[in-house]
Amino acid sequence: MFEPDPGRTGLLIRQQRNLAKITQKKLAEELGVTDKAVSKWETGDGLPDIALLPRLAARLGLTTDELLAGRQLDADELEKTKPGSLLAFGLAAYLFLEQLAKGLSTWLARNFLVKEPGGPADFAAFILFLMSCLYFYGLASWASLQLTGRDKVKKDIYISSWILLVAGFLLSLFSVMQNISSLQLVRTSYFWLGLAVFFQTAMKRPRPGRIFAGITFLALAGEFILQLLVLLSSQAAIGLKVTLLSLVLHSLVLLVFWALAWAGHNDWEKASPC
């Protein structure tokens, strides 16, 4: 798509490396090459091996097209957004609105219909509601940043990745205390997803990002299958079955979202770290 220009590519590599505050030696160690090779790239005496381009681009906060072109591209020059990325953002927005509606409806029911007295349990439910909204806001924010195919606003990227990491850990920890029909519904997938996004964006470490992305997919699939089996085998009252059904649908939507978000760019390293 872009004609390689060793001179421009070298200048861009040096510029982004300096912005990231890493030395030639450290970059070389991360890529498995010598610091002389990095120096050769930056002086325009050669181009990185094609197998290194995705990793180098991800580490420097670029796309491979930008690396080869030797400049950061405008939005209209980048690859058009794939339908999968749009759908992933739509699902993330739905999950956020779902949590918001669920929390507000529960609060209204308790305070105006049932009029239950407040207490520690009510306060804990409120904290869980805030964490859930914060987590899925971070998820929707991260998905929206993926639509451009690159990290246009670094502050937003760091904020969304930190939100997913911290809120995901707290939600996964809190879920251990939940018990529905004698089943511990441990939401470890929230934490694994947060780790995958954090390493891919804030830390710019594609390899652990891919590893945690795979763990996230397995965790989401496991949670969905487990909840579906509980729903199908449950002899509980209709009210509990409705609750279980909502959990199953939630897990399914989150699983589909993650599959689309991961496959939408076809290769995380080739896409921008957002």
Protein backbone atom coordinates (compact mmCIF):
# COMPACT_ATOMS: atom_id res chain seq x y z
CA MET A 1 0.00 0.00 0.00
CA PHE A 2 2.90 2.35 0.83
CA GLU A 3 6.32 2.43 -0.85
CA PRO A 4 8.96 1.72 1.82
CA ASP A 5 11.35 4.59 2.48
CA PRO A 6 14.27 3.54 4.74
CA GLY A 7 15.23 7.12 5.52
CA ARG A 8 11.76 8.24 6.60
CA THR A 9 11.14 4.97 8.42
CA GLY A 10 14.39 5.37 10.34
CA LEU A 11 13.52 8.89 11.43
CA LEU A 12 10.08 7.74 12.59
CA ILE A 13 11.54 4.82 14.54
CA ARG A 14 13.99 7.13 16.32
CA GLN A 15 11.28 9.71 17.02
CA GLN A 16 8.85 7.18 18.49
CA ARG A 17 11.60 5.42 20.43
CA ASN A 18 12.63 8.71 22.05
CA LEU A 19 9.00 9.52 22.85
CA ALA A 20 8.67 6.12 24.53
CA LYS A 21 11.91 6.85 26.44
CA ILE A 22 13.60 3.57 25.58
CA THR A 23 17.18 3.04 24.45
CA GLN A 24 18.30 1.30 21.29
CA LYS A 25 19.65 -1.53 23.43
CA LYS A 26 16.36 -2.06 25.26
CA LEU A 27 14.35 -2.00 22.03
CA ALA A 28 16.79 -4.46 20.49
CA GLU A 29 16.44 -6.83 23.46
CA GLU A 30 12.64 -6.74 23.22
CA LEU A 31 12.76 -7.56 19.51
CA GLY A 32 15.53 -10.14 19.76
CA VAL A 33 18.03 -8.25 17.60
CA THR A 34 21.26 -6.34 18.23
CA ASP A 35 21.41 -2.64 19.06
CA LYS A 36 23.52 -2.25 15.91
CA ALA A 37 20.53 -3.43 13.87
CA VAL A 38 18.31 -0.78 15.49
CA SER A 39 20.95 1.85 14.80
CA LYS A 40 21.08 0.71 11.19
CA TRP A 41 17.31 1.16 10.84
CA GLU A 42 17.37 4.63 12.38
CA THR A 43 20.12 5.84 10.07
CA GLY A 44 18.21 4.61 7.03
CA ASP A 45 20.79 1.98 6.10
CA GLY A 46 18.20 -0.76 6.10
CA LEU A 47 14.67 -1.78 6.99
CA PRO A 48 13.55 -4.16 9.75
CA ASP A 49 12.83 -7.73 8.73
CA ILE A 50 9.22 -8.15 7.62
CA ALA A 51 8.62 -10.62 10.47
CA LEU A 52 9.60 -7.91 12.99
CA LEU A 53 7.37 -5.17 11.57
CA PRO A 54 4.19 -5.99 13.56
CA ARG A 55 6.05 -6.22 16.88
CA LEU A 56 8.11 -3.11 16.21
CA ALA A 57 5.05 -1.12 15.13
CA ALA A 58 3.07 -2.17 18.20
CA ARG A 59 5.96 -1.32 20.53
CA LEU A 60 6.28 2.16 19.01
CA GLY A 61 2.54 2.87 18.98
CA LEU A 62 2.21 2.73 15.18
CA THR A 63 0.61 0.63 12.49
CA THR A 64 2.77 -1.31 10.05
CA ASP A 65 1.56 0.97 7.24
CA GLU A 66 2.77 4.02 9.17
CA LEU A 67 6.10 2.33 9.88
CA LEU A 68 6.68 1.60 6.19
CA ALA A 69 5.45 5.03 5.08
CA GLY A 70 7.72 6.72 7.60
CA ARG A 71 5.00 8.98 8.95
CA GLN A 72 1.85 8.89 11.04
CA LEU A 73 -1.14 8.68 8.74
CA ASP A 74 -4.36 10.67 8.79
CA ALA A 75 -7.59 8.89 9.61
CA ASP A 76 -8.73 8.81 5.97
CA GLU A 77 -5.44 7.16 4.95
CA LEU A 78 -5.83 4.30 7.36
CA GLU A 79 -7.70 1.14 6.56
CA LYS A 80 -11.44 1.61 6.76
CA THR A 81 -13.13 0.39 9.87
CA LYS A 82 -14.30 -3.19 9.58
CA PRO A 83 -17.95 -4.03 10.30
CA GLY A 84 -16.81 -6.33 13.10
CA SER A 85 -15.25 -3.41 14.97
CA LEU A 86 -18.46 -1.40 14.68
CA LEU A 87 -20.49 -4.34 15.96
CA ALA A 88 -18.03 -4.85 18.82
CA PHE A 89 -18.47 -1.22 19.85
CA GLY A 90 -22.24 -1.60 19.65
CA LEU A 91 -22.14 -4.65 21.92
CA ALA A 92 -19.85 -2.86 24.39
CA ALA A 93 -22.24 0.10 24.47
CA TYR A 94 -25.15 -2.30 25.01
CA LEU A 95 -23.36 -3.95 27.95
CA PHE A 96 -22.76 -0.56 29.54
CA LEU A 97 -26.38 0.50 29.12
CA GLU A 98 -27.52 -2.90 30.41
CA GLN A 99 -25.59 -2.42 33.64
CA LEU A 100 -26.86 1.13 34.00
CA ALA A 101 -30.50 0.13 33.45
CA LYS A 102 -30.22 -2.88 35.76
CA GLY A 103 -28.74 -0.84 38.59
CA LEU A 104 -31.22 2.01 38.28
CA SER A 105 -34.23 -0.30 38.07
CA THR A 106 -33.08 -2.20 41.16
CA TRP A 107 -32.61 1.08 43.07
CA LEU A 108 -36.03 2.36 42.07
CA ALA A 109 -37.69 -0.92 43.04
CA ARG A 110 -36.05 -1.00 46.46
CA ASN A 111 -36.74 2.61 47.31
CA PHE A 112 -40.18 3.21 45.81
CA LEU A 113 -41.89 -0.18 45.43
CA VAL A 114 -40.59 -2.53 48.10
CA LYS A 115 -39.16 0.25 50.28
CA GLU A 116 -36.55 -1.98 51.89
CA PRO A 117 -34.44 -0.40 54.64
CA GLY A 118 -30.87 0.36 53.67
CA GLY A 119 -27.98 -1.57 55.14
CA PRO A 120 -24.55 -3.04 54.45
CA ALA A 121 -25.94 -5.30 51.71
CA ASP A 122 -27.56 -2.33 50.01
CA PHE A 123 -24.32 -0.37 50.17
CA ALA A 124 -22.36 -3.33 48.77
CA ALA A 125 -24.84 -3.60 45.90
CA PHE A 126 -24.38 0.10 45.17
CA ILE A 127 -20.58 -0.27 45.07
CA LEU A 128 -20.95 -3.27 42.74
CA PHE A 129 -23.22 -1.20 40.50
CA LEU A 130 -20.65 1.60 40.30
CA MET A 131 -17.81 -0.81 39.54
CA SER A 132 -19.86 -2.54 36.84
CA CYS A 133 -20.78 0.74 35.16
CA LEU A 134 -17.17 1.91 35.35
CA TYR A 135 -15.89 -1.36 33.89
CA PHE A 136 -18.26 -1.43 30.94
CA TYR A 137 -17.74 2.27 30.31
CA GLY A 138 -14.04 1.48 30.01
CA LEU A 139 -14.87 -1.41 27.68
CA ALA A 140 -17.01 0.79 25.44
CA SER A 141 -14.34 3.50 25.48
CA TRP A 142 -11.64 1.03 24.47
CA ALA A 143 -13.85 -0.38 21.70
CA SER A 144 -14.56 3.11 20.36
CA LEU A 145 -10.83 3.85 20.18
CA GLN A 146 -10.34 0.70 18.10
CA LEU A 147 -12.62 2.11 15.42
CA THR A 148 -9.89 4.44 14.18
CA GLY A 149 -7.31 1.68 13.94
CA ARG A 150 -4.70 3.66 15.88
CA ASP A 151 -4.15 5.47 19.17
CA LYS A 152 -5.20 9.03 18.36
CA VAL A 153 -5.71 10.06 21.96
CA LYS A 154 -3.13 8.46 24.26
CA LYS A 155 -4.74 9.81 27.43
CA ASP A 156 -8.03 8.07 26.63
CA ILE A 157 -6.21 4.83 25.88
CA TYR A 158 -4.41 4.81 29.23
CA ILE A 159 -7.57 5.72 31.11
CA SER A 160 -9.68 2.99 29.51
CA SER A 161 -7.01 0.31 29.98
CA TRP A 162 -6.46 1.21 33.66
CA ILE A 163 -10.23 1.25 34.26
CA LEU A 164 -10.56 -2.25 32.80
CA LEU A 165 -7.64 -3.57 34.82
CA VAL A 166 -8.64 -2.15 38.22
CA ALA A 167 -12.43 -2.50 37.91
CA GLY A 168 -12.03 -5.96 36.36
CA PHE A 169 -9.93 -7.13 39.30
CA LEU A 170 -12.43 -5.77 41.84
CA LEU A 171 -15.42 -7.28 40.02
CA SER A 172 -13.72 -10.66 39.73
CA LEU A 173 -12.85 -10.55 43.44
CA PHE A 174 -16.35 -9.46 44.45
CA SER A 175 -18.02 -12.15 42.33
CA VAL A 176 -16.60 -14.86 44.60
CA MET A 177 -18.98 -13.63 47.30
CA GLN A 178 -22.03 -14.03 45.05
CA ASN A 179 -24.01 -17.25 45.27
CA ILE A 180 -26.93 -18.12 43.03
CA SER A 181 -28.53 -21.56 43.34
CA SER A 182 -25.46 -22.81 45.26
CA LEU A 183 -23.19 -21.92 42.31
CA GLN A 184 -20.21 -19.65 42.74
CA LEU A 185 -20.35 -17.45 39.63
CA VAL A 186 -16.74 -16.36 39.57
CA ARG A 187 -16.26 -13.67 36.92
CA THR A 188 -12.54 -14.11 36.41
CA SER A 189 -12.98 -13.15 32.75
CA TYR A 190 -13.37 -9.49 33.76
CA PHE A 191 -9.88 -9.51 35.20
CA TRP A 192 -8.29 -11.45 32.31
CA LEU A 193 -9.87 -9.08 29.80
CA GLY A 194 -8.53 -6.12 31.73
CA LEU A 195 -5.05 -7.65 31.73
CA ALA A 196 -5.16 -8.29 27.97
CA VAL A 197 -6.14 -4.71 27.18
CA PHE A 198 -3.69 -3.27 29.71
CA PHE A 199 -0.67 -5.10 28.30
CA GLN A 200 -1.69 -4.40 24.71
CA THR A 201 -2.30 -0.68 25.22
CA ALA A 202 -0.77 0.88 28.33
CA MET A 203 2.26 -1.43 28.46
CA LYS A 204 2.52 -2.05 24.68
CA ARG A 205 3.52 -5.67 25.19
CA PRO A 206 1.87 -7.66 22.36
CA ARG A 207 3.03 -11.11 23.48
CA PRO A 208 1.50 -11.13 26.99
CA GLY A 209 -1.44 -9.23 25.51
CA ARG A 210 -2.14 -12.13 23.14
CA ILE A 211 -1.69 -14.68 25.92
CA PHE A 212 -4.18 -12.93 28.20
CA ALA A 213 -6.54 -12.42 25.26
CA GLY A 214 -6.61 -16.19 24.75
CA ILE A 215 -7.16 -16.81 28.46
CA THR A 216 -10.00 -14.26 28.38
CA PHE A 217 -11.70 -16.09 25.54
CA LEU A 218 -11.44 -19.43 27.36
CA ALA A 219 -12.74 -17.88 30.60
CA LEU A 220 -15.69 -16.25 28.83
CA ALA A 221 -16.56 -19.46 26.99
CA GLY A 222 -16.31 -21.46 30.22
CA GLU A 223 -18.53 -19.04 32.14
CA PHE A 224 -21.14 -19.05 29.36
CA ILE A 225 -21.25 -22.86 29.14
CA LEU A 226 -21.37 -23.25 32.92
CA GLN A 227 -24.20 -20.75 33.33
CA LEU A 228 -26.13 -22.29 30.43
CA LEU A 229 -25.87 -25.76 32.00
CA VAL A 230 -27.07 -24.40 35.34
CA LEU A 231 -30.02 -22.71 33.63
CA LEU A 232 -31.03 -25.85 31.72
CA SER A 233 -30.71 -28.11 34.78
CA SER A 234 -32.23 -25.72 37.29
CA GLN A 235 -35.54 -26.61 38.94
CA ALA A 236 -35.75 -23.21 40.61
CA ALA A 237 -38.65 -20.79 40.58
CA ILE A 238 -39.30 -18.67 37.51
CA GLY A 239 -37.79 -15.59 39.15
CA LEU A 240 -34.42 -17.28 39.64
CA LYS A 241 -34.54 -18.70 36.13
CA VAL A 242 -35.03 -15.21 34.72
CA THR A 243 -31.97 -14.07 36.68
CA LEU A 244 -29.94 -17.00 35.36
CA LEU A 245 -31.15 -16.30 31.82
CA SER A 246 -29.98 -12.69 32.06
CA LEU A 247 -26.56 -13.92 33.20
CA VAL A 248 -26.36 -16.36 30.28
CA LEU A 249 -27.28 -13.64 27.78
CA HIS A 250 -24.79 -11.26 29.35
CA SER A 251 -22.02 -13.86 29.06
CA LEU A 252 -22.97 -14.60 25.45
CA VAL A 253 -22.88 -10.93 24.44
CA LEU A 254 -19.53 -10.43 26.17
CA LEU A 255 -18.13 -13.54 24.48
CA VAL A 256 -19.26 -12.39 21.03
CA PHE A 257 -17.90 -8.90 21.73
CA TRP A 258 -14.48 -10.26 22.63
CA ALA A 259 -14.34 -12.52 19.58
CA LEU A 260 -15.18 -9.56 17.33
CA ALA A 261 -12.81 -7.16 19.08
CA TRP A 262 -9.96 -9.63 18.83
CA ALA A 263 -10.62 -10.80 15.26
CA GLY A 264 -11.78 -7.43 13.95
CA HIS A 265 -8.24 -6.29 13.22
CA ASN A 266 -7.13 -9.83 12.34
CA ASP A 267 -3.85 -9.23 14.16
CA TRP A 268 -3.45 -7.16 17.34
CA GLU A 269 0.14 -6.40 16.59
CA LYS A 270 -0.73 -4.99 13.19
CA ALA A 271 -3.45 -2.81 14.63
CA SER A 272 -2.75 0.12 16.88
CA PRO A 273 -2.49 -0.62 20.59
CA CYS A 274 -5.85 0.77 21.49
